Structure formats: C-alpha cells, structure tokens
Amino acid sequence: MQILNDLRRAGLINSRRGQAGGYLLARAPENMTLRQVVEAVDPALLQCTVAAAGESGQAVRQAWVRVSSSLVHELDQITLANLASDPGGEMFYI
C-alpha cells in the first residue's frame, strides 16, 4: 500500500473510493517514464552517495557518478507504454 501512496503523491496515479474504486494512471502511459516511478518509490536509487575519500576515492566516485547518470538516462527512455507493448514481457499483479 505504501508504494501506491508514493505513486499517488507523485501525481502518477489517482485513487477512487467506492464500489467501482481503485487506482488508475493519472496521465497517458506514454507520458510516464520509469525514472518518474523510481523517483516516487525509491529516489535513493538514483543518487550517487559514494564518498570521494581515500587514495582512489575520487576515481571510484567519478565511476559511480557515470553509472548513476547512465541509469537515469536509460530510465528516462522507457515509458510505461513501452513496457505495456512488450509482447514477451511477464504480467505482474499487485
């Protein structure tokens, strides 16, 4: 339930009460990226928290900054519509 609340607070889904209630996307799936979902549910995944301490610390931090940047870029390229149109994808129920 916490994930649904996070998604609702981020404006990605709407909730409806009552007999015909439930959750639905707040906008078209082609206008929602995986980055938006990750930022709503677990924003720490997109942050580089590696310290630059020690002899090789700066090099390690720079590598993780590049990895983080690549992850953000890739998540921005994938929309919910992309995921829904994947014929080989598995169906997950929550």
C-alpha atoms as a PDB file:
ATOM      1  CA  MET A   1       0.000   0.000   0.000  1.00  0.00           C
ATOM      2  CA  GLN A   2       2.931   2.354   0.678  1.00  0.00           C
ATOM      3  CA  ILE A   3       4.040   2.175  -2.965  1.00  0.00           C
ATOM      4  CA  LEU A   4       0.585   3.180  -4.175  1.00  0.00           C
ATOM      5  CA  ASN A   5       0.599   6.136  -1.776  1.00  0.00           C
ATOM      6  CA  ASP A   6       4.040   7.179  -3.051  1.00  0.00           C
ATOM      7  CA  LEU A   7       2.833   6.983  -6.651  1.00  0.00           C
ATOM      8  CA  ARG A   8      -0.309   8.953  -5.796  1.00  0.00           C
ATOM      9  CA  ARG A   9       1.665  11.692  -4.004  1.00  0.00           C
ATOM     10  CA  ALA A  10       3.944  11.959  -7.056  1.00  0.00           C
ATOM     11  CA  GLY A  11       0.909  12.501  -9.291  1.00  0.00           C
ATOM     12  CA  LEU A  12       1.412   9.284 -11.241  1.00  0.00           C
ATOM     13  CA  ILE A  13      -1.815   7.589 -10.214  1.00  0.00           C
ATOM     14  CA  ASN A  14      -5.230   8.637  -8.954  1.00  0.00           C
ATOM     15  CA  SER A  15      -7.331   6.722  -6.478  1.00  0.00           C
ATOM     16  CA  ARG A  16     -11.082   6.375  -6.370  1.00  0.00           C
ATOM     17  CA  ARG A  17     -13.106   5.221  -3.420  1.00  0.00           C
ATOM     18  CA  GLY A  18     -16.247   3.170  -3.504  1.00  0.00           C
ATOM     19  CA  GLN A  19     -17.560   0.068  -5.189  1.00  0.00           C
ATOM     20  CA  ALA A  20     -16.065   0.943  -8.585  1.00  0.00           C
ATOM     21  CA  GLY A  21     -12.970   2.412  -6.960  1.00  0.00           C
ATOM     22  CA  GLY A  22      -9.348   1.559  -7.358  1.00  0.00           C
ATOM     23  CA  TYR A  23      -6.215   3.062  -8.846  1.00  0.00           C
ATOM     24  CA  LEU A  24      -5.651   4.375 -12.353  1.00  0.00           C
ATOM     25  CA  LEU A  25      -2.883   6.214 -14.139  1.00  0.00           C
ATOM     26  CA  ALA A  26      -3.045   9.993 -13.766  1.00  0.00           C
ATOM     27  CA  ARG A  27      -1.924  10.533 -17.356  1.00  0.00           C
ATOM     28  CA  ALA A  28      -1.248   8.585 -20.522  1.00  0.00           C
ATOM     29  CA  PRO A  29       1.333   5.784 -20.147  1.00  0.00           C
ATOM     30  CA  GLU A  30       3.445   7.222 -22.969  1.00  0.00           C
ATOM     31  CA  ASN A  31       3.891  10.334 -20.795  1.00  0.00           C
ATOM     32  CA  MET A  32       5.237   8.423 -17.788  1.00  0.00           C
ATOM     33  CA  THR A  33       8.791   7.161 -17.530  1.00  0.00           C
ATOM     34  CA  LEU A  34      10.381   4.582 -15.313  1.00  0.00           C
ATOM     35  CA  ARG A  35      12.514   7.365 -13.882  1.00  0.00           C
ATOM     36  CA  GLN A  36       9.376   9.059 -12.573  1.00  0.00           C
ATOM     37  CA  VAL A  37       8.257   5.823 -10.961  1.00  0.00           C
ATOM     38  CA  VAL A  38      11.655   5.208  -9.340  1.00  0.00           C
ATOM     39  CA  GLU A  39      11.830   8.809  -8.112  1.00  0.00           C
ATOM     40  CA  ALA A  40       8.420   8.364  -6.491  1.00  0.00           C
ATOM     41  CA  VAL A  41       9.083   4.983  -4.896  1.00  0.00           C
ATOM     42  CA  ASP A  42      12.819   4.880  -4.104  1.00  0.00           C
ATOM     43  CA  PRO A  43      14.653   8.079  -5.059  1.00  0.00           C
ATOM     44  CA  ALA A  44      17.839   6.919  -3.296  1.00  0.00           C
ATOM     45  CA  LEU A  45      18.427   4.509  -6.201  1.00  0.00           C
ATOM     46  CA  LEU A  46      19.152   7.490  -8.437  1.00  0.00           C
ATOM     47  CA  GLN A  47      21.568   9.252  -6.116  1.00  0.00           C
ATOM     48  CA  CYS A  48      25.294   8.690  -6.025  1.00  0.00           C
ATOM     49  CA  THR A  49      26.264   8.557  -2.360  1.00  0.00           C
ATOM     50  CA  VAL A  50      29.804   7.260  -2.784  1.00  0.00           C
ATOM     51  CA  ALA A  51      32.314   9.356  -0.844  1.00  0.00           C
ATOM     52  CA  ALA A  52      35.474  10.606  -2.506  1.00  0.00           C
ATOM     53  CA  ALA A  53      37.624   9.711   0.491  1.00  0.00           C
ATOM     54  CA  GLY A  54      40.856   7.763   0.339  1.00  0.00           C
ATOM     55  CA  GLU A  55      43.513   7.358  -2.262  1.00  0.00           C
ATOM     56  CA  SER A  56      41.249   6.124  -5.045  1.00  0.00           C
ATOM     57  CA  GLY A  57      38.055   7.662  -3.693  1.00  0.00           C
ATOM     58  CA  GLN A  58      37.733  10.350  -6.335  1.00  0.00           C
ATOM     59  CA  ALA A  59      38.143   7.857  -9.201  1.00  0.00           C
ATOM     60  CA  VAL A  60      35.596   5.487  -7.645  1.00  0.00           C
ATOM     61  CA  ARG A  61      33.143   8.338  -7.074  1.00  0.00           C
ATOM     62  CA  GLN A  62      33.515   9.532 -10.685  1.00  0.00           C
ATOM     63  CA  ALA A  63      32.811   5.995 -11.922  1.00  0.00           C
ATOM     64  CA  TRP A  64      29.649   5.758  -9.807  1.00  0.00           C
ATOM     65  CA  VAL A  65      28.516   9.213 -10.958  1.00  0.00           C
ATOM     66  CA  ARG A  66      28.807   7.953 -14.560  1.00  0.00           C
ATOM     67  CA  VAL A  67      26.861   4.797 -13.695  1.00  0.00           C
ATOM     68  CA  SER A  68      24.154   6.826 -11.943  1.00  0.00           C
ATOM     69  CA  SER A  69      23.914   9.198 -14.879  1.00  0.00           C
ATOM     70  CA  SER A  70      23.575   6.292 -17.315  1.00  0.00           C
ATOM     71  CA  LEU A  71      20.852   4.710 -15.184  1.00  0.00           C
ATOM     72  CA  VAL A  72      18.865   7.961 -15.079  1.00  0.00           C
ATOM     73  CA  HIS A  73      19.246   8.370 -18.840  1.00  0.00           C
ATOM     74  CA  GLU A  74      18.051   4.825 -19.551  1.00  0.00           C
ATOM     75  CA  LEU A  75      15.096   5.114 -17.163  1.00  0.00           C
ATOM     76  CA  ASP A  76      14.060   8.311 -18.958  1.00  0.00           C
ATOM     77  CA  GLN A  77      13.928   6.388 -22.255  1.00  0.00           C
ATOM     78  CA  ILE A  78      11.472   3.743 -21.045  1.00  0.00           C
ATOM     79  CA  THR A  79       7.819   4.698 -20.748  1.00  0.00           C
ATOM     80  CA  LEU A  80       5.001   2.695 -19.244  1.00  0.00           C
ATOM     81  CA  ALA A  81       3.618   2.405 -22.766  1.00  0.00           C
ATOM     82  CA  ASN A  82       6.885   0.741 -23.852  1.00  0.00           C
ATOM     83  CA  LEU A  83       6.527  -1.789 -21.065  1.00  0.00           C
ATOM     84  CA  ALA A  84       2.869  -2.473 -21.807  1.00  0.00           C
ATOM     85  CA  SER A  85       3.553  -3.050 -25.506  1.00  0.00           C
ATOM     86  CA  ASP A  86       6.313  -5.625 -24.906  1.00  0.00           C
ATOM     87  CA  PRO A  87       4.696  -8.890 -26.091  1.00  0.00           C
ATOM     88  CA  GLY A  88       7.310 -11.040 -24.345  1.00  0.00           C
ATOM     89  CA  GLY A  89       7.045  -9.286 -21.010  1.00  0.00           C
ATOM     90  CA  GLU A  90       5.657 -11.009 -17.981  1.00  0.00           C
ATOM     91  CA  MET A  91       2.492  -9.803 -16.253  1.00  0.00           C
ATOM     92  CA  PHE A  92       2.837  -8.784 -12.639  1.00  0.00           C
ATOM     93  CA  TYR A  93      -0.094  -8.347 -10.293  1.00  0.00           C
ATOM     94  CA  ILE A  94      -0.078  -6.207  -7.197  1.00  0.00           C
END
